[in-house]
Every structure is written in structure tokens, then in C-alpha cells.
C-alpha atoms as a PDB file:
ATOM      1  CA  UNK A   1       5.923 -16.569 -12.443  1.00  0.00           C
ATOM      2  CA  UNK A   2       8.155 -15.773 -15.393  1.00  0.00           C
ATOM      3  CA  UNK A   3       8.642 -18.509 -18.010  1.00  0.00           C
ATOM      4  CA  UNK A   4      12.376 -18.770 -17.211  1.00  0.00           C
ATOM      5  CA  UNK A   5      11.677 -19.247 -13.483  1.00  0.00           C
ATOM      6  CA  UNK A   6       9.801 -22.509 -14.122  1.00  0.00           C
ATOM      7  CA  UNK A   7      13.101 -24.196 -15.146  1.00  0.00           C
ATOM      8  CA  UNK A   8      15.112 -23.305 -12.030  1.00  0.00           C
ATOM      9  CA  UNK A   9      16.434 -25.862  -9.504  1.00  0.00           C
ATOM     10  CA  UNK A  10      15.391 -25.221  -5.893  1.00  0.00           C
ATOM     11  CA  UNK A  11      17.373 -25.573  -2.638  1.00  0.00           C
ATOM     12  CA  UNK A  12      17.938 -23.857   0.707  1.00  0.00           C
ATOM     13  CA  UNK A  13      20.421 -21.001   0.473  1.00  0.00           C
ATOM     14  CA  UNK A  14      23.592 -21.321   2.572  1.00  0.00           C
ATOM     15  CA  UNK A  15      24.050 -17.532   2.507  1.00  0.00           C
ATOM     16  CA  UNK A  16      21.420 -14.838   2.840  1.00  0.00           C
ATOM     17  CA  UNK A  17      20.985 -12.485  -0.109  1.00  0.00           C
ATOM     18  CA  UNK A  18      20.643  -9.759   2.539  1.00  0.00           C
ATOM     19  CA  UNK A  19      24.434  -9.923   2.873  1.00  0.00           C
ATOM     20  CA  UNK A  20      24.704  -8.174  -0.504  1.00  0.00           C
ATOM     21  CA  UNK A  21      21.476  -6.147  -0.455  1.00  0.00           C
ATOM     22  CA  UNK A  22      21.735  -4.428   2.950  1.00  0.00           C
ATOM     23  CA  UNK A  23      22.519  -0.717   3.081  1.00  0.00           C
ATOM     24  CA  UNK A  24      25.833  -1.159   4.914  1.00  0.00           C
ATOM     25  CA  UNK A  25      29.475  -0.553   4.058  1.00  0.00           C
ATOM     26  CA  UNK A  26      30.196  -4.281   4.344  1.00  0.00           C
ATOM     27  CA  UNK A  27      27.290  -5.154   2.022  1.00  0.00           C
ATOM     28  CA  UNK A  28      28.588  -2.627  -0.519  1.00  0.00           C
ATOM     29  CA  UNK A  29      31.981  -4.379  -0.450  1.00  0.00           C
ATOM     30  CA  UNK A  30      30.295  -7.794  -0.717  1.00  0.00           C
ATOM     31  CA  UNK A  31      28.253  -6.594  -3.720  1.00  0.00           C
ATOM     32  CA  UNK A  32      31.548  -5.693  -5.397  1.00  0.00           C
ATOM     33  CA  UNK A  33      32.968  -9.163  -4.663  1.00  0.00           C
ATOM     34  CA  UNK A  34      29.731 -10.789  -5.857  1.00  0.00           C
ATOM     35  CA  UNK A  35      29.843  -8.749  -9.072  1.00  0.00           C
ATOM     36  CA  UNK A  36      33.395  -9.980  -9.660  1.00  0.00           C
ATOM     37  CA  UNK A  37      32.150 -13.570  -9.326  1.00  0.00           C
ATOM     38  CA  UNK A  38      29.194 -13.065 -11.691  1.00  0.00           C
ATOM     39  CA  UNK A  39      30.136 -10.014 -13.769  1.00  0.00           C
ATOM     40  CA  UNK A  40      27.153 -10.076 -16.135  1.00  0.00           C
ATOM     41  CA  UNK A  41      24.465 -10.493 -13.466  1.00  0.00           C
ATOM     42  CA  UNK A  42      22.023  -7.776 -12.458  1.00  0.00           C
ATOM     43  CA  UNK A  43      20.387  -7.666  -9.024  1.00  0.00           C
ATOM     44  CA  UNK A  44      16.766  -6.631  -8.529  1.00  0.00           C
ATOM     45  CA  UNK A  45      14.181  -6.895  -5.774  1.00  0.00           C
ATOM     46  CA  UNK A  46      10.438  -7.212  -6.305  1.00  0.00           C
ATOM     47  CA  UNK A  47       8.624  -7.141  -2.980  1.00  0.00           C
ATOM     48  CA  UNK A  48      10.335  -9.752  -0.806  1.00  0.00           C
ATOM     49  CA  UNK A  49      11.695 -11.688  -3.801  1.00  0.00           C
ATOM     50  CA  UNK A  50      15.328 -11.010  -4.751  1.00  0.00           C
ATOM     51  CA  UNK A  51      16.474 -11.881  -8.272  1.00  0.00           C
ATOM     52  CA  UNK A  52      19.814 -12.141 -10.061  1.00  0.00           C
ATOM     53  CA  UNK A  53      19.671 -12.203 -13.845  1.00  0.00           C
ATOM     54  CA  UNK A  54      22.693 -12.919 -16.047  1.00  0.00           C
ATOM     55  CA  UNK A  55      22.157 -11.080 -19.314  1.00  0.00           C
ATOM     56  CA  UNK A  56      24.847 -13.056 -21.175  1.00  0.00           C
ATOM     57  CA  UNK A  57      24.031 -16.667 -20.211  1.00  0.00           C
ATOM     58  CA  UNK A  58      20.308 -16.172 -19.625  1.00  0.00           C
ATOM     59  CA  UNK A  59      20.738 -17.677 -16.152  1.00  0.00           C
ATOM     60  CA  UNK A  60      18.579 -16.567 -13.264  1.00  0.00           C
ATOM     61  CA  UNK A  61      18.376 -16.834  -9.492  1.00  0.00           C
ATOM     62  CA  UNK A  62      15.333 -16.092  -7.354  1.00  0.00           C
ATOM     63  CA  UNK A  63      15.325 -15.937  -3.544  1.00  0.00           C
ATOM     64  CA  UNK A  64      12.157 -16.309  -1.537  1.00  0.00           C
ATOM     65  CA  UNK A  65      12.013 -15.975   2.272  1.00  0.00           C
ATOM     66  CA  UNK A  66      10.893 -19.199   3.968  1.00  0.00           C
ATOM     67  CA  UNK A  67      10.718 -18.230   7.640  1.00  0.00           C
ATOM     68  CA  UNK A  68      13.760 -20.393   8.417  1.00  0.00           C
ATOM     69  CA  UNK A  69      15.947 -18.747   5.795  1.00  0.00           C
ATOM     70  CA  UNK A  70      15.817 -18.355   2.036  1.00  0.00           C
ATOM     71  CA  UNK A  71      14.853 -20.690  -0.769  1.00  0.00           C
ATOM     72  CA  UNK A  72      17.089 -20.214  -3.790  1.00  0.00           C
ATOM     73  CA  UNK A  73      16.102 -21.314  -7.283  1.00  0.00           C
ATOM     74  CA  UNK A  74      18.778 -21.033  -9.962  1.00  0.00           C
ATOM     75  CA  UNK A  75      19.826 -22.193 -13.376  1.00  0.00           C
ATOM     76  CA  UNK A  76      21.086 -23.063 -15.811  1.00  0.00           C
ATOM     77  CA  UNK A  77      24.388 -21.529 -14.549  1.00  0.00           C
ATOM     78  CA  UNK A  78      24.509 -21.653 -10.743  1.00  0.00           C
ATOM     79  CA  UNK A  79      25.241 -17.988 -10.157  1.00  0.00           C
ATOM     80  CA  UNK A  80      24.408 -17.979  -6.455  1.00  0.00           C
ATOM     81  CA  UNK A  81      26.740 -20.942  -5.811  1.00  0.00           C
ATOM     82  CA  UNK A  82      29.583 -18.824  -7.231  1.00  0.00           C
ATOM     83  CA  UNK A  83      28.635 -15.954  -4.919  1.00  0.00           C
ATOM     84  CA  UNK A  84      28.253 -18.301  -1.919  1.00  0.00           C
ATOM     85  CA  UNK A  85      31.824 -19.552  -2.486  1.00  0.00           C
ATOM     86  CA  UNK A  86      33.085 -15.944  -2.447  1.00  0.00           C
ATOM     87  CA  UNK A  87      31.075 -15.069   0.685  1.00  0.00           C
ATOM     88  CA  UNK A  88      32.322 -18.201   2.480  1.00  0.00           C
ATOM     89  CA  UNK A  89      35.951 -17.447   1.544  1.00  0.00           C
ATOM     90  CA  UNK A  90      35.438 -13.862   2.721  1.00  0.00           C
ATOM     91  CA  UNK A  91      34.152 -15.130   6.084  1.00  0.00           C
ATOM     92  CA  UNK A  92      36.974 -17.680   6.403  1.00  0.00           C
ATOM     93  CA  UNK A  93      39.582 -14.936   5.929  1.00  0.00           C
ATOM     94  CA  UNK A  94      38.130 -12.865   8.774  1.00  0.00           C
ATOM     95  CA  UNK A  95      36.008 -10.498   6.666  1.00  0.00           C
ATOM     96  CA  UNK A  96      38.905  -8.452   5.278  1.00  0.00           C
ATOM     97  CA  UNK A  97      38.456  -4.750   4.566  1.00  0.00           C
ATOM     98  CA  UNK A  98      38.367  -3.536   0.936  1.00  0.00           C
ATOM     99  CA  UNK A  99      41.805  -1.918   1.146  1.00  0.00           C
ATOM    100  CA  UNK A 100      43.428  -5.342   1.763  1.00  0.00           C
ATOM    101  CA  UNK A 101      42.572  -6.485  -1.786  1.00  0.00           C
ATOM    102  CA  UNK A 102      44.667  -5.732  -4.860  1.00  0.00           C
ATOM    103  CA  UNK A 103      43.556  -5.607  -8.475  1.00  0.00           C
ATOM    104  CA  UNK A 104      45.894  -7.088 -11.082  1.00  0.00           C
ATOM    105  CA  UNK A 105      45.158  -6.189 -14.713  1.00  0.00           C
ATOM    106  CA  UNK A 106      46.992  -7.834 -17.604  1.00  0.00           C
ATOM    107  CA  UNK A 107      46.399  -8.823 -21.237  1.00  0.00           C
ATOM    108  CA  UNK A 108      44.405 -11.920 -20.262  1.00  0.00           C
ATOM    109  CA  UNK A 109      41.995 -10.102 -17.965  1.00  0.00           C
ATOM    110  CA  UNK A 110      41.867  -8.899 -14.400  1.00  0.00           C
ATOM    111  CA  UNK A 111      42.081 -10.637 -11.036  1.00  0.00           C
ATOM    112  CA  UNK A 112      41.166  -9.427  -7.593  1.00  0.00           C
ATOM    113  CA  UNK A 113      43.511 -10.944  -5.021  1.00  0.00           C
ATOM    114  CA  UNK A 114      43.790 -11.155  -1.291  1.00  0.00           C
ATOM    115  CA  UNK A 115      46.933 -12.308   0.568  1.00  0.00           C
ATOM    116  CA  UNK A 116      45.187 -14.643   3.052  1.00  0.00           C
ATOM    117  CA  UNK A 117      44.101 -18.185   2.237  1.00  0.00           C
ATOM    118  CA  UNK A 118      41.741 -19.337   0.968  1.00  0.00           C
ATOM    119  CA  UNK A 119      42.516 -17.540  -2.254  1.00  0.00           C
ATOM    120  CA  UNK A 120      39.894 -14.994  -3.225  1.00  0.00           C
ATOM    121  CA  UNK A 121      40.987 -14.975  -6.845  1.00  0.00           C
ATOM    122  CA  UNK A 122      38.080 -13.618  -8.852  1.00  0.00           C
ATOM    123  CA  UNK A 123      38.123 -13.432 -12.597  1.00  0.00           C
ATOM    124  CA  UNK A 124      35.760 -12.949 -15.447  1.00  0.00           C
ATOM    125  CA  UNK A 125      34.451 -16.363 -16.613  1.00  0.00           C
END
């Protein structure tokens, strides 16, 4: 185990990391939404273990299959919680297609918006 992984908090994942790692069109779109939620995170898979590493904050997430789902360990920033909120909002809005989103760029940054509630406003932290 890596030294940084020893400090992570553990819990059951509400969303499967397979939603963003699968080789499907929907997963590709969800990876884009996830990247908007955690813009400095990098996704990697080692065997069955999926990892997200944020190169700016030093935060990390590891997913391990448990038979009944996935165990998620994360910290210090809860990156996967941010992604879970986006995935849940995506589900609640009926899994909208990519073309229903609009990108708004202005001096203060960029936002990805969707017209249906709940708001899927994603911005750089």
C-alpha cells in the first residue's frame, strides 16, 4: 500500500466507479462530467483497484471491489463524493445526452449547465 493510502477514510461507495471506467458512450460522457467536478484528478486502474489522484491537492481515492459493491477510501479532499453528487444529479435529470449541456465561459471561469433541475452547474474549485 502506498504511504498516502494509509491516511484515507473508508466507506461503501454509493456509485460504482465502473460508471466512469466502462468503454461505453455514456461512460465517456460521465468521465467528462466527473472531470469537470474534479478537474485536477487523474484516473488509473491497477488490477481490480481503481484510483483517482488529485495532483494539486494531493488527495486520493481508491476503490476496491467487495463482492457487494465497492469500498471507497478517500482523503483529504473527498473527490469521489463530488463525483457521486454529479452522477446522482445526472440520474435524477433522466440521464441527459451530452448535446443538452451548454458551456458558459467568462472572465471568472467556465460553467457547464443543464436546463433541468437539479442544477448540474460544474465549475473549477
